Amino acid sequence: MSKISKATRLHEANEWVKKGDYERFLTYCTEDTEWVFIGDQILSGKQAVREYMKEAYLEPPVFTVDTTIEEGNFVTVTGEIRLKGKDGNYSHYDYCDVWQFENDKMAALKAYVIEKRQGITPDI
């Protein structure tokens, strides 16, 4: 029997988020999971994450994954996410999530999330 990779476990958990089953997603997290949204807020524990999801995800978020890198107990994922606001409009973001695993569960997240703004293009 082969062991499921941490990246596969993360993507499996995120499928539940896409379906709006946040409780099922939370079964993949440790009780004391800590989520750090860089420059914004820190969530400590499953209950704080549960409350955040209830407020932030009025509808299940729509997201894509561009890159997944697994190294040791860490999985880094980049992509785009779209969230529906209370006003009914969608906001679009680029993200880079760095997940830390403990005993095959998601124990910590550092999330770098940047809102995409209309009319702004990078100088590359």
PDB file of N, CA and C in Angstrom:
ATOM      1  N   MET A   1       0.844  -1.183   0.000  1.00  0.00           N
ATOM      2  CA  MET A   1       0.000   0.000   0.000  1.00  0.00           C
ATOM      3  C   MET A   1       0.889   1.246   0.000  1.00  0.00           C
ATOM      4  N   SER A   2       0.637   2.167  -0.918  1.00  0.00           N
ATOM      5  CA  SER A   2       1.459   3.368  -0.995  1.00  0.00           C
ATOM      6  C   SER A   2       0.846   4.481  -0.151  1.00  0.00           C
ATOM      7  N   LYS A   3       1.706   5.269   0.428  1.00  0.00           N
ATOM      8  CA  LYS A   3       1.282   6.385   1.254  1.00  0.00           C
ATOM      9  C   LYS A   3       0.887   7.559   0.355  1.00  0.00           C
ATOM     10  N   ILE A   4      -0.187   8.237   0.706  1.00  0.00           N
ATOM     11  CA  ILE A   4      -0.649   9.390  -0.066  1.00  0.00           C
ATOM     12  C   ILE A   4       0.281  10.571   0.209  1.00  0.00           C
ATOM     13  N   SER A   5       0.719  11.242  -0.836  1.00  0.00           N
ATOM     14  CA  SER A   5       1.605  12.395  -0.663  1.00  0.00           C
ATOM     15  C   SER A   5       0.849  13.540   0.016  1.00  0.00           C
ATOM     16  N   LYS A   6       1.620  14.414   0.635  1.00  0.00           N
ATOM     17  CA  LYS A   6       1.021  15.575   1.296  1.00  0.00           C
ATOM     18  C   LYS A   6       0.341  16.479   0.269  1.00  0.00           C
ATOM     19  N   ALA A   7       0.940  16.618  -0.908  1.00  0.00           N
ATOM     20  CA  ALA A   7       0.324  17.446  -1.961  1.00  0.00           C
ATOM     21  C   ALA A   7      -1.023  16.862  -2.376  1.00  0.00           C
ATOM     22  N   THR A   8      -1.082  15.549  -2.531  1.00  0.00           N
ATOM     23  CA  THR A   8      -2.342  14.895  -2.895  1.00  0.00           C
ATOM     24  C   THR A   8      -3.382  15.096  -1.800  1.00  0.00           C
ATOM     25  N   ARG A   9      -2.942  14.974  -0.553  1.00  0.00           N
ATOM     26  CA  ARG A   9      -3.852  15.169   0.587  1.00  0.00           C
ATOM     27  C   ARG A   9      -4.407  16.599   0.589  1.00  0.00           C
ATOM     28  N   LEU A  10      -3.556  17.587   0.332  1.00  0.00           N
ATOM     29  CA  LEU A  10      -3.996  18.984   0.283  1.00  0.00           C
ATOM     30  C   LEU A  10      -5.021  19.192  -0.832  1.00  0.00           C
ATOM     31  N   HIS A  11      -4.725  18.681  -2.013  1.00  0.00           N
ATOM     32  CA  HIS A  11      -5.652  18.858  -3.132  1.00  0.00           C
ATOM     33  C   HIS A  11      -6.978  18.134  -2.878  1.00  0.00           C
ATOM     34  N   GLU A  12      -6.892  16.985  -2.220  1.00  0.00           N
ATOM     35  CA  GLU A  12      -8.106  16.244  -1.854  1.00  0.00           C
ATOM     36  C   GLU A  12      -8.947  17.069  -0.878  1.00  0.00           C
ATOM     37  N   ALA A  13      -8.297  17.658   0.119  1.00  0.00           N
ATOM     38  CA  ALA A  13      -9.002  18.495   1.101  1.00  0.00           C
ATOM     39  C   ALA A  13      -9.656  19.693   0.412  1.00  0.00           C
ATOM     40  N   ASN A  14      -8.939  20.301  -0.528  1.00  0.00           N
ATOM     41  CA  ASN A  14      -9.473  21.482  -1.219  1.00  0.00           C
ATOM     42  C   ASN A  14     -10.676  21.165  -2.096  1.00  0.00           C
ATOM     43  N   GLU A  15     -10.801  19.928  -2.526  1.00  0.00           N
ATOM     44  CA  GLU A  15     -11.998  19.542  -3.282  1.00  0.00           C
ATOM     45  C   GLU A  15     -13.251  19.733  -2.427  1.00  0.00           C
ATOM     46  N   TRP A  16     -13.132  19.507  -1.122  1.00  0.00           N
ATOM     47  CA  TRP A  16     -14.273  19.705  -0.219  1.00  0.00           C
ATOM     48  C   TRP A  16     -14.614  21.181  -0.093  1.00  0.00           C
ATOM     49  N   VAL A  17     -13.594  22.051  -0.131  1.00  0.00           N
ATOM     50  CA  VAL A  17     -13.846  23.491  -0.094  1.00  0.00           C
ATOM     51  C   VAL A  17     -14.624  23.895  -1.339  1.00  0.00           C
ATOM     52  N   LYS A  18     -14.207  23.387  -2.493  1.00  0.00           N
ATOM     53  CA  LYS A  18     -14.885  23.718  -3.755  1.00  0.00           C
ATOM     54  C   LYS A  18     -16.353  23.302  -3.722  1.00  0.00           C
ATOM     55  N   LYS A  19     -16.654  22.230  -2.973  1.00  0.00           N
ATOM     56  CA  LYS A  19     -18.028  21.731  -2.867  1.00  0.00           C
ATOM     57  C   LYS A  19     -18.804  22.412  -1.741  1.00  0.00           C
ATOM     58  N   GLY A  20     -18.120  23.271  -0.976  1.00  0.00           N
ATOM     59  CA  GLY A  20     -18.785  23.961   0.126  1.00  0.00           C
ATOM     60  C   GLY A  20     -18.903  23.127   1.385  1.00  0.00           C
ATOM     61  N   ASP A  21     -18.204  21.994   1.466  1.00  0.00           N
ATOM     62  CA  ASP A  21     -18.244  21.136   2.652  1.00  0.00           C
ATOM     63  C   ASP A  21     -17.023  21.457   3.524  1.00  0.00           C
ATOM     64  N   TYR A  22     -17.118  22.582   4.239  1.00  0.00           N
ATOM     65  CA  TYR A  22     -15.997  23.072   5.014  1.00  0.00           C
ATOM     66  C   TYR A  22     -15.697  22.181   6.218  1.00  0.00           C
ATOM     67  N   GLU A  23     -16.711  21.554   6.773  1.00  0.00           N
ATOM     68  CA  GLU A  23     -16.481  20.640   7.897  1.00  0.00           C
ATOM     69  C   GLU A  23     -15.637  19.439   7.459  1.00  0.00           C
ATOM     70  N   ARG A  24     -15.914  18.928   6.280  1.00  0.00           N
ATOM     71  CA  ARG A  24     -15.117  17.807   5.761  1.00  0.00           C
ATOM     72  C   ARG A  24     -13.677  18.264   5.525  1.00  0.00           C
ATOM     73  N   PHE A  25     -13.504  19.488   4.980  1.00  0.00           N
ATOM     74  CA  PHE A  25     -12.170  20.044   4.797  1.00  0.00           C
ATOM     75  C   PHE A  25     -11.426  20.093   6.129  1.00  0.00           C
ATOM     76  N   LEU A  26     -12.097  20.546   7.185  1.00  0.00           N
ATOM     77  CA  LEU A  26     -11.456  20.714   8.487  1.00  0.00           C
ATOM     78  C   LEU A  26     -10.966  19.403   9.088  1.00  0.00           C
ATOM     79  N   THR A  27     -11.492  18.270   8.637  1.00  0.00           N
ATOM     80  CA  THR A  27     -10.989  16.982   9.131  1.00  0.00           C
ATOM     81  C   THR A  27      -9.554  16.740   8.684  1.00  0.00           C
ATOM     82  N   TYR A  28      -9.078  17.478   7.702  1.00  0.00           N
ATOM     83  CA  TYR A  28      -7.703  17.365   7.215  1.00  0.00           C
ATOM     84  C   TYR A  28      -6.738  18.252   8.011  1.00  0.00           C
ATOM     85  N   CYS A  29      -7.279  19.071   8.924  1.00  0.00           N
ATOM     86  CA  CYS A  29      -6.463  20.018   9.699  1.00  0.00           C
ATOM     87  C   CYS A  29      -6.272  19.527  11.131  1.00  0.00           C
ATOM     88  N   THR A  30      -5.149  19.928  11.738  1.00  0.00           N
ATOM     89  CA  THR A  30      -4.949  19.646  13.157  1.00  0.00           C
ATOM     90  C   THR A  30      -5.887  20.539  13.970  1.00  0.00           C
ATOM     91  N   GLU A  31      -6.170  20.133  15.215  1.00  0.00           N
ATOM     92  CA  GLU A  31      -7.046  20.934  16.077  1.00  0.00           C
ATOM     93  C   GLU A  31      -6.471  22.330  16.298  1.00  0.00           C
ATOM     94  N   ASP A  32      -5.141  22.422  16.410  1.00  0.00           N
ATOM     95  CA  ASP A  32      -4.506  23.706  16.710  1.00  0.00           C
ATOM     96  C   ASP A  32      -3.913  24.360  15.458  1.00  0.00           C
ATOM     97  N   THR A  33      -4.474  24.047  14.296  1.00  0.00           N
ATOM     98  CA  THR A  33      -3.978  24.628  13.054  1.00  0.00           C
ATOM     99  C   THR A  33      -3.900  26.146  13.167  1.00  0.00           C
ATOM    100  N   GLU A  34      -2.860  26.712  12.559  1.00  0.00           N
ATOM    101  CA  GLU A  34      -2.709  28.168  12.588  1.00  0.00           C
ATOM    102  C   GLU A  34      -2.562  28.669  11.166  1.00  0.00           C
ATOM    103  N   TRP A  35      -3.421  29.617  10.787  1.00  0.00           N
ATOM    104  CA  TRP A  35      -3.393  30.202   9.452  1.00  0.00           C
ATOM    105  C   TRP A  35      -2.958  31.654   9.572  1.00  0.00           C
ATOM    106  N   VAL A  36      -1.882  32.001   8.889  1.00  0.00           N
ATOM    107  CA  VAL A  36      -1.369  33.361   8.879  1.00  0.00           C
ATOM    108  C   VAL A  36      -1.574  33.929   7.484  1.00  0.00           C
ATOM    109  N   PHE A  37      -2.432  34.938   7.386  1.00  0.00           N
ATOM    110  CA  PHE A  37      -2.618  35.671   6.140  1.00  0.00           C
ATOM    111  C   PHE A  37      -1.684  36.872   6.245  1.00  0.00           C
ATOM    112  N   ILE A  38      -0.568  36.813   5.537  1.00  0.00           N
ATOM    113  CA  ILE A  38       0.493  37.809   5.663  1.00  0.00           C
ATOM    114  C   ILE A  38      -0.071  39.221   5.455  1.00  0.00           C
ATOM    115  N   GLY A  39       0.205  40.084   6.439  1.00  0.00           N
ATOM    116  CA  GLY A  39      -0.239  41.472   6.377  1.00  0.00           C
ATOM    117  C   GLY A  39      -1.708  41.672   6.686  1.00  0.00           C
ATOM    118  N   ASP A  40      -2.403  40.613   7.136  1.00  0.00           N
ATOM    119  CA  ASP A  40      -3.844  40.755   7.349  1.00  0.00           C
ATOM    120  C   ASP A  40      -4.277  40.233   8.713  1.00  0.00           C
ATOM    121  N   GLN A  41      -4.264  38.906   8.901  1.00  0.00           N
ATOM    122  CA  GLN A  41      -4.779  38.335  10.141  1.00  0.00           C
ATOM    123  C   GLN A  41      -4.186  36.964  10.404  1.00  0.00           C
ATOM    124  N   ILE A  42      -4.346  36.503  11.656  1.00  0.00           N
ATOM    125  CA  ILE A  42      -3.902  35.179  12.068  1.00  0.00           C
ATOM    126  C   ILE A  42      -5.093  34.457  12.678  1.00  0.00           C
ATOM    127  N   LEU A  43      -5.320  33.232  12.226  1.00  0.00           N
ATOM    128  CA  LEU A  43      -6.382  32.394  12.774  1.00  0.00           C
ATOM    129  C   LEU A  43      -5.731  31.256  13.549  1.00  0.00           C
ATOM    130  N   SER A  44      -6.129  31.074  14.798  1.00  0.00           N
ATOM    131  CA  SER A  44      -5.563  30.021  15.637  1.00  0.00           C
ATOM    132  C   SER A  44      -6.633  29.009  16.006  1.00  0.00           C
ATOM    133  N   GLY A  45      -6.476  27.775  15.534  1.00  0.00           N
ATOM    134  CA  GLY A  45      -7.383  26.686  15.865  1.00  0.00           C
ATOM    135  C   GLY A  45      -8.497  26.496  14.851  1.00  0.00           C
ATOM    136  N   LYS A  46      -9.054  25.281  14.857  1.00  0.00           N
ATOM    137  CA  LYS A  46     -10.107  24.926  13.905  1.00  0.00           C
ATOM    138  C   LYS A  46     -11.329  25.821  14.008  1.00  0.00           C
ATOM    139  N   GLN A  47     -11.705  26.207  15.239  1.00  0.00           N
ATOM    140  CA  GLN A  47     -12.907  27.027  15.395  1.00  0.00           C
ATOM    141  C   GLN A  47     -12.732  28.376  14.725  1.00  0.00           C
ATOM    142  N   ALA A  48     -11.558  28.976  14.845  1.00  0.00           N
ATOM    143  CA  ALA A  48     -11.302  30.263  14.196  1.00  0.00           C
ATOM    144  C   ALA A  48     -11.341  30.112  12.674  1.00  0.00           C
ATOM    145  N   VAL A  49     -10.805  29.014  12.172  1.00  0.00           N
ATOM    146  CA  VAL A  49     -10.841  28.763  10.723  1.00  0.00           C
ATOM    147  C   VAL A  49     -12.281  28.546  10.265  1.00  0.00           C
ATOM    148  N   ARG A  50     -13.042  27.800  11.049  1.00  0.00           N
ATOM    149  CA  ARG A  50     -14.457  27.546  10.744  1.00  0.00           C
ATOM    150  C   ARG A  50     -15.218  28.868  10.629  1.00  0.00           C
ATOM    151  N   GLU A  51     -15.021  29.763  11.595  1.00  0.00           N
ATOM    152  CA  GLU A  51     -15.709  31.059  11.586  1.00  0.00           C
ATOM    153  C   GLU A  51     -15.264  31.901  10.393  1.00  0.00           C
ATOM    154  N   TYR A  52     -13.976  31.872  10.079  1.00  0.00           N
ATOM    155  CA  TYR A  52     -13.461  32.607   8.921  1.00  0.00           C
ATOM    156  C   TYR A  52     -14.122  32.108   7.634  1.00  0.00           C
ATOM    157  N   MET A  53     -14.185  30.802   7.471  1.00  0.00           N
ATOM    158  CA  MET A  53     -14.767  30.229   6.255  1.00  0.00           C
ATOM    159  C   MET A  53     -16.239  30.610   6.124  1.00  0.00           C
ATOM    160  N   LYS A  54     -16.950  30.635   7.238  1.00  0.00           N
ATOM    161  CA  LYS A  54     -18.368  31.000   7.216  1.00  0.00           C
ATOM    162  C   LYS A  54     -18.559  32.438   6.737  1.00  0.00           C
ATOM    163  N   GLU A  55     -17.652  33.332   7.153  1.00  0.00           N
ATOM    164  CA  GLU A  55     -17.744  34.744   6.761  1.00  0.00           C
ATOM    165  C   GLU A  55     -17.181  35.010   5.367  1.00  0.00           C
ATOM    166  N   ALA A  56     -16.014  34.439   5.068  1.00  0.00           N
ATOM    167  CA  ALA A  56     -15.312  34.757   3.818  1.00  0.00           C
ATOM    168  C   ALA A  56     -15.872  34.015   2.612  1.00  0.00           C
ATOM    169  N   TYR A  57     -16.414  32.825   2.842  1.00  0.00           N
ATOM    170  CA  TYR A  57     -16.881  31.996   1.737  1.00  0.00           C
ATOM    171  C   TYR A  57     -18.404  31.976   1.701  1.00  0.00           C
ATOM    172  N   LEU A  58     -19.002  33.109   1.283  1.00  0.00           N
ATOM    173  CA  LEU A  58     -20.460  33.190   1.167  1.00  0.00           C
ATOM    174  C   LEU A  58     -20.954  32.160   0.159  1.00  0.00           C
ATOM    175  N   GLU A  59     -20.136  31.899  -0.837  1.00  0.00           N
ATOM    176  CA  GLU A  59     -20.302  30.788  -1.775  1.00  0.00           C
ATOM    177  C   GLU A  59     -18.948  30.101  -1.811  1.00  0.00           C
ATOM    178  N   PRO A  60     -18.908  28.830  -2.173  1.00  0.00           N
ATOM    179  CA  PRO A  60     -17.595  28.185  -2.254  1.00  0.00           C
ATOM    180  C   PRO A  60     -16.673  28.974  -3.186  1.00  0.00           C
ATOM    181  N   PRO A  61     -15.417  29.171  -2.767  1.00  0.00           N
ATOM    182  CA  PRO A  61     -14.484  29.904  -3.612  1.00  0.00           C
ATOM    183  C   PRO A  61     -14.180  29.120  -4.890  1.00  0.00           C
ATOM    184  N   VAL A  62     -13.877  29.858  -5.926  1.00  0.00           N
ATOM    185  CA  VAL A  62     -13.473  29.248  -7.196  1.00  0.00           C
ATOM    186  C   VAL A  62     -11.977  29.489  -7.307  1.00  0.00           C
ATOM    187  N   PHE A  63     -11.196  28.402  -7.365  1.00  0.00           N
ATOM    188  CA  PHE A  63      -9.758  28.615  -7.440  1.00  0.00           C
ATOM    189  C   PHE A  63      -9.099  27.619  -8.377  1.00  0.00           C
ATOM    190  N   THR A  64      -7.952  28.057  -8.871  1.00  0.00           N
ATOM    191  CA  THR A  64      -7.134  27.215  -9.734  1.00  0.00           C
ATOM    192  C   THR A  64      -5.763  27.071  -9.080  1.00  0.00           C
ATOM    193  N   VAL A  65      -5.101  26.001  -9.430  1.00  0.00           N
ATOM    194  CA  VAL A  65      -3.746  25.747  -8.954  1.00  0.00           C
ATOM    195  C   VAL A  65      -2.829  25.766 -10.164  1.00  0.00           C
ATOM    196  N   ASP A  66      -1.813  26.630 -10.102  1.00  0.00           N
ATOM    197  CA  ASP A  66      -0.825  26.684 -11.178  1.00  0.00           C
ATOM    198  C   ASP A  66       0.378  25.801 -10.875  1.00  0.00           C
ATOM    199  N   THR A  67       0.848  25.853  -9.634  1.00  0.00           N
ATOM    200  CA  THR A  67       2.067  25.141  -9.252  1.00  0.00           C
ATOM    201  C   THR A  67       1.880  24.496  -7.890  1.00  0.00           C
ATOM    202  N   THR A  68       2.407  23.282  -7.731  1.00  0.00           N
ATOM    203  CA  THR A  68       2.435  22.597  -6.445  1.00  0.00           C
ATOM    204  C   THR A  68       3.844  22.060  -6.232  1.00  0.00           C
ATOM    205  N   ILE A  69       4.432  22.392  -5.087  1.00  0.00           N
ATOM    206  CA  ILE A  69       5.777  21.915  -4.753  1.00  0.00           C
ATOM    207  C   ILE A  69       5.713  21.276  -3.372  1.00  0.00           C
ATOM    208  N   GLU A  70       6.131  20.015  -3.278  1.00  0.00           N
ATOM    209  CA  GLU A  70       6.166  19.324  -1.995  1.00  0.00           C
ATOM    210  C   GLU A  70       7.614  19.083  -1.609  1.00  0.00           C
ATOM    211  N   GLU A  71       7.934  19.454  -0.376  1.00  0.00           N
ATOM    212  CA  GLU A  71       9.290  19.251   0.135  1.00  0.00           C
ATOM    213  C   GLU A  71       9.199  18.968   1.627  1.00  0.00           C
ATOM    214  N   GLY A  72       9.554  17.767   2.026  1.00  0.00           N
ATOM    215  CA  GLY A  72       9.482  17.405   3.446  1.00  0.00           C
ATOM    216  C   GLY A  72       8.067  17.525   3.970  1.00  0.00           C
ATOM    217  N   ASN A  73       7.899  18.310   5.032  1.00  0.00           N
ATOM    218  CA  ASN A  73       6.577  18.511   5.645  1.00  0.00           C
ATOM    219  C   ASN A  73       5.843  19.724   5.092  1.00  0.00           C
ATOM    220  N   PHE A  74       6.315  20.256   3.966  1.00  0.00           N
ATOM    221  CA  PHE A  74       5.716  21.466   3.403  1.00  0.00           C
ATOM    222  C   PHE A  74       5.181  21.225   1.998  1.00  0.00           C
ATOM    223  N   VAL A  75       4.073  21.895   1.697  1.00  0.00           N
ATOM    224  CA  VAL A  75       3.516  21.918   0.344  1.00  0.00           C
ATOM    225  C   VAL A  75       3.237  23.386   0.024  1.00  0.00           C
ATOM    226  N   THR A  76       3.795  23.844  -1.091  1.00  0.00           N
ATOM    227  CA  THR A  76       3.570  25.217  -1.555  1.00  0.00           C
ATOM    228  C   THR A  76       2.718  25.164  -2.812  1.00  0.00           C
ATOM    229  N   VAL A  77       1.689  25.995  -2.842  1.00  0.00           N
ATOM    230  CA  VAL A  77       0.755  26.016  -3.964  1.00  0.00           C
ATOM    231  C   VAL A  77       0.563  27.465  -4.407  1.00  0.00           C
ATOM    232  N   THR A  78       0.578  27.688  -5.718  1.00  0.00           N
ATOM    233  CA  THR A  78       0.266  29.009  -6.259  1.00  0.00           C
ATOM    234  C   THR A  78      -0.916  28.885  -7.200  1.00  0.00           C
ATOM    235  N   GLY A  79      -1.641  29.988  -7.350  1.00  0.00           N
ATOM    236  CA  GLY A  79      -2.777  29.982  -8.263  1.00  0.00           C
ATOM    237  C   GLY A  79      -3.596  31.244  -8.144  1.00  0.00           C
ATOM    238  N   GLU A  80      -4.858  31.116  -8.551  1.00  0.00           N
ATOM    239  CA  GLU A  80      -5.804  32.227  -8.502  1.00  0.00           C
ATOM    240  C   GLU A  80      -7.049  31.782  -7.752  1.00  0.00           C
ATOM    241  N   ILE A  81      -7.681  32.741  -7.076  1.00  0.00           N
ATOM    242  CA  ILE A  81      -8.911  32.454  -6.343  1.00  0.00           C
ATOM    243  C   ILE A  81      -9.892  33.605  -6.564  1.00  0.00           C
ATOM    244  N   ARG A  82     -11.168  33.241  -6.618  1.00  0.00           N
ATOM    245  CA  ARG A  82     -12.241  34.227  -6.800  1.00  0.00           C
ATOM    246  C   ARG A  82     -13.234  34.031  -5.660  1.00  0.00           C
ATOM    247  N   LEU A  83     -13.540  35.135  -4.954  1.00  0.00           N
ATOM    248  CA  LEU A  83     -14.465  35.093  -3.827  1.00  0.00           C
ATOM    249  C   LEU A  83     -15.626  36.048  -4.063  1.00  0.00           C
ATOM    250  N   LYS A  84     -16.816  35.584  -3.710  1.00  0.00           N
ATOM    251  CA  LYS A  84     -17.999  36.433  -3.821  1.00  0.00           C
ATOM    252  C   LYS A  84     -18.150  37.248  -2.545  1.00  0.00           C
ATOM    253  N   GLY A  85     -18.315  38.571  -2.708  1.00  0.00           N
ATOM    254  CA  GLY A  85     -18.475  39.465  -1.575  1.00  0.00           C
ATOM    255  C   GLY A  85     -19.929  39.617  -1.163  1.00  0.00           C
ATOM    256  N   LYS A  86     -20.139  40.296  -0.045  1.00  0.00           N
ATOM    257  CA  LYS A  86     -21.498  40.536   0.457  1.00  0.00           C
ATOM    258  C   LYS A  86     -22.329  41.355  -0.524  1.00  0.00           C
ATOM    259  N   ASP A  87     -21.642  42.138  -1.379  1.00  0.00           N
ATOM    260  CA  ASP A  87     -22.352  42.955  -2.372  1.00  0.00           C
ATOM    261  C   ASP A  87     -22.722  42.153  -3.623  1.00  0.00           C
ATOM    262  N   GLY A  88     -22.350  40.864  -3.648  1.00  0.00           N
ATOM    263  CA  GLY A  88     -22.671  40.008  -4.787  1.00  0.00           C
ATOM    264  C   GLY A  88     -21.625  40.022  -5.887  1.00  0.00           C
ATOM    265  N   ASN A  89     -20.637  40.903  -5.759  1.00  0.00           N
ATOM    266  CA  ASN A  89     -19.570  40.977  -6.758  1.00  0.00           C
ATOM    267  C   ASN A  89     -18.407  40.066  -6.366  1.00  0.00           C
ATOM    268  N   TYR A  90     -17.662  39.656  -7.377  1.00  0.00           N
ATOM    269  CA  TYR A  90     -16.515  38.791  -7.138  1.00  0.00           C
ATOM    270  C   TYR A  90     -15.227  39.591  -7.079  1.00  0.00           C
ATOM    271  N   SER A  91     -14.347  39.193  -6.178  1.00  0.00           N
ATOM    272  CA  SER A  91     -12.994  39.737  -6.117  1.00  0.00           C
ATOM    273  C   SER A  91     -12.055  38.627  -6.572  1.00  0.00           C
ATOM    274  N   HIS A  92     -11.020  39.018  -7.308  1.00  0.00           N
ATOM    275  CA  HIS A  92     -10.068  38.068  -7.865  1.00  0.00           C
ATOM    276  C   HIS A  92      -8.699  38.280  -7.222  1.00  0.00           C
ATOM    277  N   TYR A  93      -8.035  37.183  -6.884  1.00  0.00           N
ATOM    278  CA  TYR A  93      -6.755  37.255  -6.196  1.00  0.00           C
ATOM    279  C   TYR A  93      -5.764  36.253  -6.790  1.00  0.00           C
ATOM    280  N   ASP A  94      -4.477  36.593  -6.684  1.00  0.00           N
ATOM    281  CA  ASP A  94      -3.407  35.630  -6.872  1.00  0.00           C
ATOM    282  C   ASP A  94      -3.005  35.197  -5.473  1.00  0.00           C
ATOM    283  N   TYR A  95      -2.605  33.939  -5.320  1.00  0.00           N
ATOM    284  CA  TYR A  95      -2.194  33.481  -3.995  1.00  0.00           C
ATOM    285  C   TYR A  95      -0.976  32.568  -4.073  1.00  0.00           C
ATOM    286  N   CYS A  96      -0.262  32.529  -2.965  1.00  0.00           N
ATOM    287  CA  CYS A  96       0.796  31.559  -2.738  1.00  0.00           C
ATOM    288  C   CYS A  96       0.589  31.062  -1.322  1.00  0.00           C
ATOM    289  N   ASP A  97       0.238  29.794  -1.176  1.00  0.00           N
ATOM    290  CA  ASP A  97       0.011  29.182   0.130  1.00  0.00           C
ATOM    291  C   ASP A  97       1.163  28.243   0.457  1.00  0.00           C
ATOM    292  N   VAL A  98       1.697  28.381   1.666  1.00  0.00           N
ATOM    293  CA  VAL A  98       2.721  27.468   2.147  1.00  0.00           C
ATOM    294  C   VAL A  98       2.123  26.720   3.327  1.00  0.00           C
ATOM    295  N   TRP A  99       1.860  25.438   3.124  1.00  0.00           N
ATOM    296  CA  TRP A  99       1.240  24.591   4.141  1.00  0.00           C
ATOM    297  C   TRP A  99       2.301  23.763   4.851  1.00  0.00           C
ATOM    298  N   GLN A 100       2.176  23.647   6.169  1.00  0.00           N
ATOM    299  CA  GLN A 100       3.041  22.764   6.945  1.00  0.00           C
ATOM    300  C   GLN A 100       2.186  21.621   7.480  1.00  0.00           C
ATOM    301  N   PHE A 101       2.675  20.408   7.334  1.00  0.00           N
ATOM    302  CA  PHE A 101       1.962  19.223   7.778  1.00  0.00           C
ATOM    303  C   PHE A 101       2.598  18.644   9.036  1.00  0.00           C
ATOM    304  N   GLU A 102       1.748  18.074   9.890  1.00  0.00           N
ATOM    305  CA  GLU A 102       2.172  17.290  11.052  1.00  0.00           C
ATOM    306  C   GLU A 102       1.321  16.039  11.057  1.00  0.00           C
ATOM    307  N   ASN A 103       1.959  14.881  11.062  1.00  0.00           N
ATOM    308  CA  ASN A 103       1.233  13.605  11.076  1.00  0.00           C
ATOM    309  C   ASN A 103       0.160  13.559   9.995  1.00  0.00           C
ATOM    310  N   ASP A 104       0.523  13.969   8.781  1.00  0.00           N
ATOM    311  CA  ASP A 104      -0.356  13.939   7.610  1.00  0.00           C
ATOM    312  C   ASP A 104      -1.566  14.858   7.697  1.00  0.00           C
ATOM    313  N   LYS A 105      -1.545  15.800   8.618  1.00  0.00           N
ATOM    314  CA  LYS A 105      -2.623  16.801   8.702  1.00  0.00           C
ATOM    315  C   LYS A 105      -2.043  18.188   8.520  1.00  0.00           C
ATOM    316  N   MET A 106      -2.874  19.101   8.031  1.00  0.00           N
ATOM    317  CA  MET A 106      -2.447  20.471   7.798  1.00  0.00           C
ATOM    318  C   MET A 106      -2.408  21.222   9.130  1.00  0.00           C
ATOM    319  N   ALA A 107      -1.190  21.582   9.545  1.00  0.00           N
ATOM    320  CA  ALA A 107      -0.989  22.190  10.857  1.00  0.00           C
ATOM    321  C   ALA A 107      -0.816  23.699  10.798  1.00  0.00           C
ATOM    322  N   ALA A 108      -0.328  24.201   9.669  1.00  0.00           N
ATOM    323  CA  ALA A 108      -0.079  25.639   9.574  1.00  0.00           C
ATOM    324  C   ALA A 108      -0.142  26.076   8.122  1.00  0.00           C
ATOM    325  N   LEU A 109      -0.551  27.321   7.946  1.00  0.00           N
ATOM    326  CA  LEU A 109      -0.630  27.934   6.626  1.00  0.00           C
ATOM    327  C   LEU A 109      -0.057  29.340   6.706  1.00  0.00           C
ATOM    328  N   LYS A 110       0.803  29.662   5.742  1.00  0.00           N
ATOM    329  CA  LYS A 110       1.196  31.058   5.500  1.00  0.00           C
ATOM    330  C   LYS A 110       0.659  31.369   4.123  1.00  0.00           C
ATOM    331  N   ALA A 111      -0.263  32.324   4.056  1.00  0.00           N
ATOM    332  CA  ALA A 111      -0.923  32.665   2.803  1.00  0.00           C
ATOM    333  C   ALA A 111      -0.558  34.081   2.381  1.00  0.00           C
ATOM    334  N   TYR A 112      -0.049  34.169   1.175  1.00  0.00           N
ATOM    335  CA  TYR A 112       0.257  35.458   0.554  1.00  0.00           C
ATOM    336  C   TYR A 112      -0.814  35.668  -0.507  1.00  0.00           C
ATOM    337  N   VAL A 113      -1.695  36.627  -0.277  1.00  0.00           N
ATOM    338  CA  VAL A 113      -2.850  36.834  -1.146  1.00  0.00           C
ATOM    339  C   VAL A 113      -2.845  38.285  -1.632  1.00  0.00           C
ATOM    340  N   ILE A 114      -2.900  38.454  -2.960  1.00  0.00           N
ATOM    341  CA  ILE A 114      -2.845  39.791  -3.551  1.00  0.00           C
ATOM    342  C   ILE A 114      -4.041  39.973  -4.471  1.00  0.00           C
ATOM    343  N   GLU A 115      -4.815  41.017  -4.203  1.00  0.00           N
ATOM    344  CA  GLU A 115      -5.994  41.284  -5.037  1.00  0.00           C
ATOM    345  C   GLU A 115      -5.578  41.768  -6.420  1.00  0.00           C
ATOM    346  N   LYS A 116      -6.271  41.229  -7.426  1.00  0.00           N
ATOM    347  CA  LYS A 116      -6.061  41.688  -8.798  1.00  0.00           C
ATOM    348  C   LYS A 116      -6.947  42.894  -9.005  1.00  0.00           C
ATOM    349  N   ARG A 117      -6.404  43.912  -9.609  1.00  0.00           N
ATOM    350  CA  ARG A 117      -7.189  45.121  -9.856  1.00  0.00           C
ATOM    351  C   ARG A 117      -7.292  45.356 -11.341  1.00  0.00           C
ATOM    352  N   GLN A 118      -8.452  45.808 -11.754  1.00  0.00           N
ATOM    353  CA  GLN A 118      -8.692  46.080 -13.172  1.00  0.00           C
ATOM    354  C   GLN A 118      -7.764  47.183 -13.670  1.00  0.00           C
ATOM    355  N   GLY A 119      -7.247  46.983 -14.870  1.00  0.00           N
ATOM    356  CA  GLY A 119      -6.455  48.025 -15.512  1.00  0.00           C
ATOM    357  C   GLY A 119      -5.015  48.089 -15.076  1.00  0.00           C
ATOM    358  N   ILE A 120      -4.629  47.252 -14.132  1.00  0.00           N
ATOM    359  CA  ILE A 120      -3.235  47.252 -13.678  1.00  0.00           C
ATOM    360  C   ILE A 120      -2.523  46.063 -14.299  1.00  0.00           C
ATOM    361  N   THR A 121      -1.475  46.346 -15.034  1.00  0.00           N
ATOM    362  CA  THR A 121      -0.682  45.271 -15.634  1.00  0.00           C
ATOM    363  C   THR A 121       0.753  45.422 -15.175  1.00  0.00           C
ATOM    364  N   PRO A 122       1.419  44.309 -14.919  1.00  0.00           N
ATOM    365  CA  PRO A 122       2.805  44.397 -14.448  1.00  0.00           C
ATOM    366  C   PRO A 122       3.753  44.834 -15.556  1.00  0.00           C
ATOM    367  N   ASP A 123       4.797  45.538 -15.176  1.00  0.00           N
ATOM    368  CA  ASP A 123       5.845  45.928 -16.129  1.00  0.00           C
ATOM    369  C   ASP A 123       6.892  44.820 -16.173  1.00  0.00           C
ATOM    370  N   ILE A 124       6.727  43.948 -17.136  1.00  0.00           N
ATOM    371  CA  ILE A 124       7.670  42.835 -17.258  1.00  0.00           C
ATOM    372  C   ILE A 124       8.392  42.945 -18.576  1.00  0.00           C
TER     373      ILE A 124
END
